[in-house]
Amino acid sequence: MTLFLGVLGALLLIAVVLVLWVTGIYNSLVTLRNVFKNAFAQIDVQLKRRYDLIPNLVEVAKGYLKHERETLEAVIKARNIAIGAAQSAAANPADAIAMKGLISAEGGLSGALSRLMVVVEKYPDLKANQNMLQLTEELTSTENKIAFARQAYNDSVMIYNNTRETVPNVFFAGIFGFLPAELFKIEDPTERNAPKVSFA
């Protein structure tokens, strides 16, 4: 009977250690997932600021760019698509499909803004407009903040994915529903250049 109780006690101790070990893995994955979701929230804040600036930029440019209606409409359309994609990604930053949609939409918006800035360069009065100068300065500042927020997000995603994919965590990550997170990367090399918004 004493031998049986000793074996039972040892098995119980092993079971408790295993439960604590698996709980530790689970908790570390939850923590890291929350860190990258928070990092995405920082991107989301800056994207919203950018989306709010764009209609003002277009409105100021409208009076000067009467013959460039298609360019202005393309910027607004790209902005609206990006807003929808950002809302989907913000709802679940761990959703790889939503993140890819946001990356694609952001690429389209950056391209449309770049085309607008090229057109603006042709209008000296618009370039000298005080409102336009202020808006482009704010947009440049926001673009920089977005770049820093993306870097922080990608760093947290890398740590999460590395932790998720290492042994023994990889065995439990799938069971507990911890899917790989998507990096916020630029797919099209032409989109790697931020929209030029300076009028120097």
C-alpha atoms as a PDB file:
ATOM      1  CA  MET A   1       0.000   0.000   0.000  1.00  0.00           C
ATOM      2  CA  THR A   2       2.829   2.431   0.817  1.00  0.00           C
ATOM      3  CA  LEU A   3       4.477   1.644  -2.544  1.00  0.00           C
ATOM      4  CA  PHE A   4       1.193   2.292  -4.308  1.00  0.00           C
ATOM      5  CA  LEU A   5       0.758   5.632  -2.528  1.00  0.00           C
ATOM      6  CA  GLY A   6       4.379   6.571  -3.368  1.00  0.00           C
ATOM      7  CA  VAL A   7       3.862   5.780  -7.083  1.00  0.00           C
ATOM      8  CA  LEU A   8       0.526   7.598  -7.060  1.00  0.00           C
ATOM      9  CA  GLY A   9       2.143  10.607  -5.370  1.00  0.00           C
ATOM     10  CA  ALA A  10       4.983  10.626  -7.934  1.00  0.00           C
ATOM     11  CA  LEU A  11       2.499  10.411 -10.818  1.00  0.00           C
ATOM     12  CA  LEU A  12       0.426  13.193  -9.291  1.00  0.00           C
ATOM     13  CA  LEU A  13       3.552  15.346  -8.891  1.00  0.00           C
ATOM     14  CA  ILE A  14       4.522  14.713 -12.534  1.00  0.00           C
ATOM     15  CA  ALA A  15       0.975  15.601 -13.643  1.00  0.00           C
ATOM     16  CA  VAL A  16       1.049  18.850 -11.636  1.00  0.00           C
ATOM     17  CA  VAL A  17       4.465  19.772 -13.099  1.00  0.00           C
ATOM     18  CA  LEU A  18       3.197  19.044 -16.634  1.00  0.00           C
ATOM     19  CA  VAL A  19       0.051  21.130 -16.091  1.00  0.00           C
ATOM     20  CA  LEU A  20       2.120  24.029 -14.745  1.00  0.00           C
ATOM     21  CA  TRP A  21       4.558  23.713 -17.655  1.00  0.00           C
ATOM     22  CA  VAL A  22       1.756  23.733 -20.280  1.00  0.00           C
ATOM     23  CA  THR A  23       0.065  26.604 -18.436  1.00  0.00           C
ATOM     24  CA  GLY A  24       3.336  28.548 -18.608  1.00  0.00           C
ATOM     25  CA  ILE A  25       3.545  27.959 -22.375  1.00  0.00           C
ATOM     26  CA  TYR A  26      -0.073  29.026 -22.821  1.00  0.00           C
ATOM     27  CA  ASN A  27       0.373  32.152 -20.706  1.00  0.00           C
ATOM     28  CA  SER A  28       3.533  33.223 -22.555  1.00  0.00           C
ATOM     29  CA  LEU A  29       1.763  32.838 -25.916  1.00  0.00           C
ATOM     30  CA  VAL A  30      -1.222  34.856 -24.656  1.00  0.00           C
ATOM     31  CA  THR A  31       1.096  37.589 -23.397  1.00  0.00           C
ATOM     32  CA  LEU A  32       3.023  37.784 -26.664  1.00  0.00           C
ATOM     33  CA  ARG A  33      -0.178  37.770 -28.725  1.00  0.00           C
ATOM     34  CA  ASN A  34      -1.507  40.663 -26.645  1.00  0.00           C
ATOM     35  CA  VAL A  35       1.770  42.550 -27.120  1.00  0.00           C
ATOM     36  CA  PHE A  36       1.558  42.346 -30.920  1.00  0.00           C
ATOM     37  CA  LYS A  37      -2.147  43.252 -30.852  1.00  0.00           C
ATOM     38  CA  ASN A  38      -1.282  46.312 -28.784  1.00  0.00           C
ATOM     39  CA  ALA A  39       1.493  47.162 -31.249  1.00  0.00           C
ATOM     40  CA  PHE A  40      -1.061  46.962 -34.054  1.00  0.00           C
ATOM     41  CA  ALA A  41      -3.355  49.292 -32.116  1.00  0.00           C
ATOM     42  CA  GLN A  42      -0.555  51.877 -32.245  1.00  0.00           C
ATOM     43  CA  ILE A  43      -0.409  51.524 -36.031  1.00  0.00           C
ATOM     44  CA  ASP A  44      -4.182  51.822 -36.158  1.00  0.00           C
ATOM     45  CA  VAL A  45      -4.099  55.123 -34.256  1.00  0.00           C
ATOM     46  CA  GLN A  46      -1.629  56.596 -36.744  1.00  0.00           C
ATOM     47  CA  LEU A  47      -3.510  55.222 -39.749  1.00  0.00           C
ATOM     48  CA  LYS A  48      -6.710  56.860 -38.517  1.00  0.00           C
ATOM     49  CA  ARG A  49      -4.855  60.150 -38.162  1.00  0.00           C
ATOM     50  CA  ARG A  50      -3.569  59.746 -41.715  1.00  0.00           C
ATOM     51  CA  TYR A  51      -7.042  58.890 -43.020  1.00  0.00           C
ATOM     52  CA  ASP A  52      -8.414  62.027 -41.326  1.00  0.00           C
ATOM     53  CA  LEU A  53      -5.753  64.241 -42.932  1.00  0.00           C
ATOM     54  CA  ILE A  54      -6.329  63.009 -46.480  1.00  0.00           C
ATOM     55  CA  PRO A  55      -9.806  64.565 -47.072  1.00  0.00           C
ATOM     56  CA  ASN A  56      -8.450  67.914 -45.853  1.00  0.00           C
ATOM     57  CA  LEU A  57      -5.506  67.599 -48.219  1.00  0.00           C
ATOM     58  CA  VAL A  58      -7.808  66.783 -51.124  1.00  0.00           C
ATOM     59  CA  GLU A  59     -10.173  69.626 -50.213  1.00  0.00           C
ATOM     60  CA  VAL A  60      -7.349  72.184 -50.252  1.00  0.00           C
ATOM     61  CA  ALA A  61      -6.046  70.793 -53.534  1.00  0.00           C
ATOM     62  CA  LYS A  62      -9.516  70.738 -55.156  1.00  0.00           C
ATOM     63  CA  GLY A  63      -9.624  74.450 -55.831  1.00  0.00           C
ATOM     64  CA  TYR A  64      -6.308  74.359 -57.658  1.00  0.00           C
ATOM     65  CA  LEU A  65      -6.589  70.992 -59.381  1.00  0.00           C
ATOM     66  CA  LYS A  66      -9.846  71.366 -61.285  1.00  0.00           C
ATOM     67  CA  HIS A  67      -8.400  69.444 -64.233  1.00  0.00           C
ATOM     68  CA  GLU A  68      -7.066  66.647 -62.018  1.00  0.00           C
ATOM     69  CA  ARG A  69     -10.379  65.292 -60.769  1.00  0.00           C
ATOM     70  CA  GLU A  70      -9.417  61.649 -61.443  1.00  0.00           C
ATOM     71  CA  THR A  71      -6.338  61.946 -59.236  1.00  0.00           C
ATOM     72  CA  LEU A  72      -8.345  63.411 -56.360  1.00  0.00           C
ATOM     73  CA  GLU A  73     -11.057  60.769 -56.713  1.00  0.00           C
ATOM     74  CA  ALA A  74      -8.413  58.016 -56.777  1.00  0.00           C
ATOM     75  CA  VAL A  75      -6.970  59.278 -53.471  1.00  0.00           C
ATOM     76  CA  ILE A  76     -10.393  59.339 -51.790  1.00  0.00           C
ATOM     77  CA  LYS A  77     -11.290  55.906 -53.169  1.00  0.00           C
ATOM     78  CA  ALA A  78      -7.959  54.442 -51.992  1.00  0.00           C
ATOM     79  CA  ARG A  79      -8.479  56.057 -48.576  1.00  0.00           C
ATOM     80  CA  ASN A  80     -11.943  54.521 -48.227  1.00  0.00           C
ATOM     81  CA  ILE A  81     -10.635  51.080 -49.188  1.00  0.00           C
ATOM     82  CA  ALA A  82      -7.796  51.451 -46.673  1.00  0.00           C
ATOM     83  CA  ILE A  83     -10.221  52.475 -43.918  1.00  0.00           C
ATOM     84  CA  GLY A  84     -12.297  49.325 -44.502  1.00  0.00           C
ATOM     85  CA  ALA A  85      -9.193  47.141 -44.548  1.00  0.00           C
ATOM     86  CA  ALA A  86      -7.870  48.803 -41.376  1.00  0.00           C
ATOM     87  CA  GLN A  87     -11.156  48.160 -39.585  1.00  0.00           C
ATOM     88  CA  SER A  88     -11.012  44.473 -40.533  1.00  0.00           C
ATOM     89  CA  ALA A  89      -7.406  44.177 -39.403  1.00  0.00           C
ATOM     90  CA  ALA A  90      -8.077  46.087 -36.170  1.00  0.00           C
ATOM     91  CA  ALA A  91     -10.900  43.682 -35.330  1.00  0.00           C
ATOM     92  CA  ASN A  92      -8.361  40.839 -35.294  1.00  0.00           C
ATOM     93  CA  PRO A  93      -4.707  41.655 -35.995  1.00  0.00           C
ATOM     94  CA  ALA A  94      -3.962  37.927 -35.745  1.00  0.00           C
ATOM     95  CA  ASP A  95      -6.021  37.312 -38.913  1.00  0.00           C
ATOM     96  CA  ALA A  96      -3.448  36.901 -41.700  1.00  0.00           C
ATOM     97  CA  ILE A  97      -6.016  37.521 -44.445  1.00  0.00           C
ATOM     98  CA  ALA A  98      -7.153  40.809 -42.890  1.00  0.00           C
ATOM     99  CA  MET A  99      -3.533  41.916 -42.467  1.00  0.00           C
ATOM    100  CA  LYS A 100      -2.740  41.097 -46.096  1.00  0.00           C
ATOM    101  CA  GLY A 101      -5.815  43.080 -47.141  1.00  0.00           C
ATOM    102  CA  LEU A 102      -4.632  46.056 -45.094  1.00  0.00           C
ATOM    103  CA  ILE A 103      -1.124  45.830 -46.531  1.00  0.00           C
ATOM    104  CA  SER A 104      -2.541  45.796 -50.047  1.00  0.00           C
ATOM    105  CA  ALA A 105      -4.930  48.689 -49.350  1.00  0.00           C
ATOM    106  CA  GLU A 106      -2.154  50.740 -47.747  1.00  0.00           C
ATOM    107  CA  GLY A 107       0.003  50.138 -50.813  1.00  0.00           C
ATOM    108  CA  GLY A 108      -2.796  51.426 -53.028  1.00  0.00           C
ATOM    109  CA  LEU A 109      -3.266  54.490 -50.836  1.00  0.00           C
ATOM    110  CA  SER A 110       0.460  55.260 -50.805  1.00  0.00           C
ATOM    111  CA  GLY A 111       0.505  55.027 -54.593  1.00  0.00           C
ATOM    112  CA  ALA A 112      -2.491  57.360 -54.934  1.00  0.00           C
ATOM    113  CA  LEU A 113      -0.932  59.871 -52.535  1.00  0.00           C
ATOM    114  CA  SER A 114       2.331  59.749 -54.463  1.00  0.00           C
ATOM    115  CA  ARG A 115       0.489  60.507 -57.702  1.00  0.00           C
ATOM    116  CA  LEU A 116      -1.309  63.406 -56.012  1.00  0.00           C
ATOM    117  CA  MET A 117       1.976  64.859 -54.779  1.00  0.00           C
ATOM    118  CA  VAL A 118       3.447  64.635 -58.280  1.00  0.00           C
ATOM    119  CA  VAL A 119       0.455  66.580 -59.611  1.00  0.00           C
ATOM    120  CA  VAL A 120       0.701  69.138 -56.771  1.00  0.00           C
ATOM    121  CA  GLU A 121       4.317  69.815 -57.765  1.00  0.00           C
ATOM    122  CA  LYS A 122       3.019  71.274 -61.065  1.00  0.00           C
ATOM    123  CA  TYR A 123       1.012  74.005 -59.275  1.00  0.00           C
ATOM    124  CA  PRO A 124       3.273  76.593 -57.583  1.00  0.00           C
ATOM    125  CA  ASP A 125       0.328  78.456 -56.010  1.00  0.00           C
ATOM    126  CA  LEU A 126      -0.900  75.259 -54.400  1.00  0.00           C
ATOM    127  CA  LYS A 127       2.582  74.365 -53.192  1.00  0.00           C
ATOM    128  CA  ALA A 128       2.797  77.784 -51.508  1.00  0.00           C
ATOM    129  CA  ASN A 129      -0.688  77.560 -49.932  1.00  0.00           C
ATOM    130  CA  GLN A 130      -0.341  77.740 -46.131  1.00  0.00           C
ATOM    131  CA  ASN A 131      -3.015  75.087 -45.518  1.00  0.00           C
ATOM    132  CA  MET A 132      -1.358  72.733 -47.994  1.00  0.00           C
ATOM    133  CA  LEU A 133       2.041  73.263 -46.380  1.00  0.00           C
ATOM    134  CA  GLN A 134       0.632  72.540 -42.925  1.00  0.00           C
ATOM    135  CA  LEU A 135      -1.281  69.455 -44.079  1.00  0.00           C
ATOM    136  CA  THR A 136       1.716  68.011 -45.897  1.00  0.00           C
ATOM    137  CA  GLU A 137       3.886  68.613 -42.839  1.00  0.00           C
ATOM    138  CA  GLU A 138       1.351  66.792 -40.645  1.00  0.00           C
ATOM    139  CA  LEU A 139       1.103  63.990 -43.201  1.00  0.00           C
ATOM    140  CA  THR A 140       4.891  63.613 -43.286  1.00  0.00           C
ATOM    141  CA  SER A 141       4.997  63.477 -39.499  1.00  0.00           C
ATOM    142  CA  THR A 142       2.214  60.885 -39.477  1.00  0.00           C
ATOM    143  CA  GLU A 143       4.006  58.773 -42.104  1.00  0.00           C
ATOM    144  CA  ASN A 144       7.066  58.718 -39.846  1.00  0.00           C
ATOM    145  CA  LYS A 145       4.962  57.676 -36.856  1.00  0.00           C
ATOM    146  CA  ILE A 146       3.370  54.924 -38.941  1.00  0.00           C
ATOM    147  CA  ALA A 147       6.819  53.659 -39.926  1.00  0.00           C
ATOM    148  CA  PHE A 148       7.925  53.495 -36.279  1.00  0.00           C
ATOM    149  CA  ALA A 149       4.669  51.814 -35.244  1.00  0.00           C
ATOM    150  CA  ARG A 150       5.062  49.225 -38.033  1.00  0.00           C
ATOM    151  CA  GLN A 151       8.577  48.474 -36.865  1.00  0.00           C
ATOM    152  CA  ALA A 152       7.399  47.941 -33.274  1.00  0.00           C
ATOM    153  CA  TYR A 153       4.544  45.756 -34.529  1.00  0.00           C
ATOM    154  CA  ASN A 154       6.830  43.640 -36.700  1.00  0.00           C
ATOM    155  CA  ASP A 155       9.278  43.218 -33.811  1.00  0.00           C
ATOM    156  CA  SER A 156       6.489  41.945 -31.545  1.00  0.00           C
ATOM    157  CA  VAL A 157       5.132  39.656 -34.261  1.00  0.00           C
ATOM    158  CA  MET A 158       8.597  38.197 -34.784  1.00  0.00           C
ATOM    159  CA  ILE A 159       8.979  37.463 -31.048  1.00  0.00           C
ATOM    160  CA  TYR A 160       5.477  35.930 -30.944  1.00  0.00           C
ATOM    161  CA  ASN A 161       6.062  33.794 -34.047  1.00  0.00           C
ATOM    162  CA  ASN A 162       9.494  32.660 -32.829  1.00  0.00           C
ATOM    163  CA  THR A 163       8.072  31.661 -29.448  1.00  0.00           C
ATOM    164  CA  ARG A 164       5.110  29.968 -31.114  1.00  0.00           C
ATOM    165  CA  GLU A 165       7.284  27.969 -33.511  1.00  0.00           C
ATOM    166  CA  THR A 166       9.950  26.732 -31.091  1.00  0.00           C
ATOM    167  CA  VAL A 167       9.866  23.308 -29.464  1.00  0.00           C
ATOM    168  CA  PRO A 168       7.947  22.467 -27.263  1.00  0.00           C
ATOM    169  CA  ASN A 169       5.604  25.454 -27.795  1.00  0.00           C
ATOM    170  CA  VAL A 170       4.861  24.450 -31.387  1.00  0.00           C
ATOM    171  CA  PHE A 171       3.111  21.295 -30.150  1.00  0.00           C
ATOM    172  CA  PHE A 172       0.715  23.275 -27.987  1.00  0.00           C
ATOM    173  CA  ALA A 173       0.278  26.435 -30.079  1.00  0.00           C
ATOM    174  CA  GLY A 174      -1.960  24.711 -32.633  1.00  0.00           C
ATOM    175  CA  ILE A 175      -3.957  22.932 -29.967  1.00  0.00           C
ATOM    176  CA  PHE A 176      -4.635  26.211 -28.146  1.00  0.00           C
ATOM    177  CA  GLY A 177      -5.424  28.085 -31.397  1.00  0.00           C
ATOM    178  CA  PHE A 178      -2.330  30.302 -31.563  1.00  0.00           C
ATOM    179  CA  LEU A 179      -1.961  30.861 -35.304  1.00  0.00           C
ATOM    180  CA  PRO A 180       1.035  32.578 -36.885  1.00  0.00           C
ATOM    181  CA  ALA A 181       0.808  36.369 -37.030  1.00  0.00           C
ATOM    182  CA  GLU A 182       1.383  38.281 -40.265  1.00  0.00           C
ATOM    183  CA  LEU A 183       4.182  40.827 -40.522  1.00  0.00           C
ATOM    184  CA  PHE A 184       3.217  44.282 -41.785  1.00  0.00           C
ATOM    185  CA  LYS A 185       5.459  44.203 -44.821  1.00  0.00           C
ATOM    186  CA  ILE A 186       5.338  45.804 -48.215  1.00  0.00           C
ATOM    187  CA  GLU A 187       4.847  43.309 -51.027  1.00  0.00           C
ATOM    188  CA  ASP A 188       5.354  45.577 -54.053  1.00  0.00           C
ATOM    189  CA  PRO A 189       8.871  47.089 -54.177  1.00  0.00           C
ATOM    190  CA  THR A 190       7.491  50.292 -55.743  1.00  0.00           C
ATOM    191  CA  GLU A 191       5.413  50.825 -52.595  1.00  0.00           C
ATOM    192  CA  ARG A 192       8.508  50.847 -50.379  1.00  0.00           C
ATOM    193  CA  ASN A 193       8.944  54.563 -50.974  1.00  0.00           C
ATOM    194  CA  ALA A 194       6.798  56.710 -48.719  1.00  0.00           C
ATOM    195  CA  PRO A 195       4.702  59.287 -50.505  1.00  0.00           C
ATOM    196  CA  LYS A 196       6.762  62.405 -51.089  1.00  0.00           C
ATOM    197  CA  VAL A 197       4.968  65.235 -49.380  1.00  0.00           C
ATOM    198  CA  SER A 198       7.568  67.962 -49.055  1.00  0.00           C
ATOM    199  CA  PHE A 199       7.482  71.100 -51.179  1.00  0.00           C
ATOM    200  CA  ALA A 200      11.039  72.250 -50.634  1.00  0.00           C
END
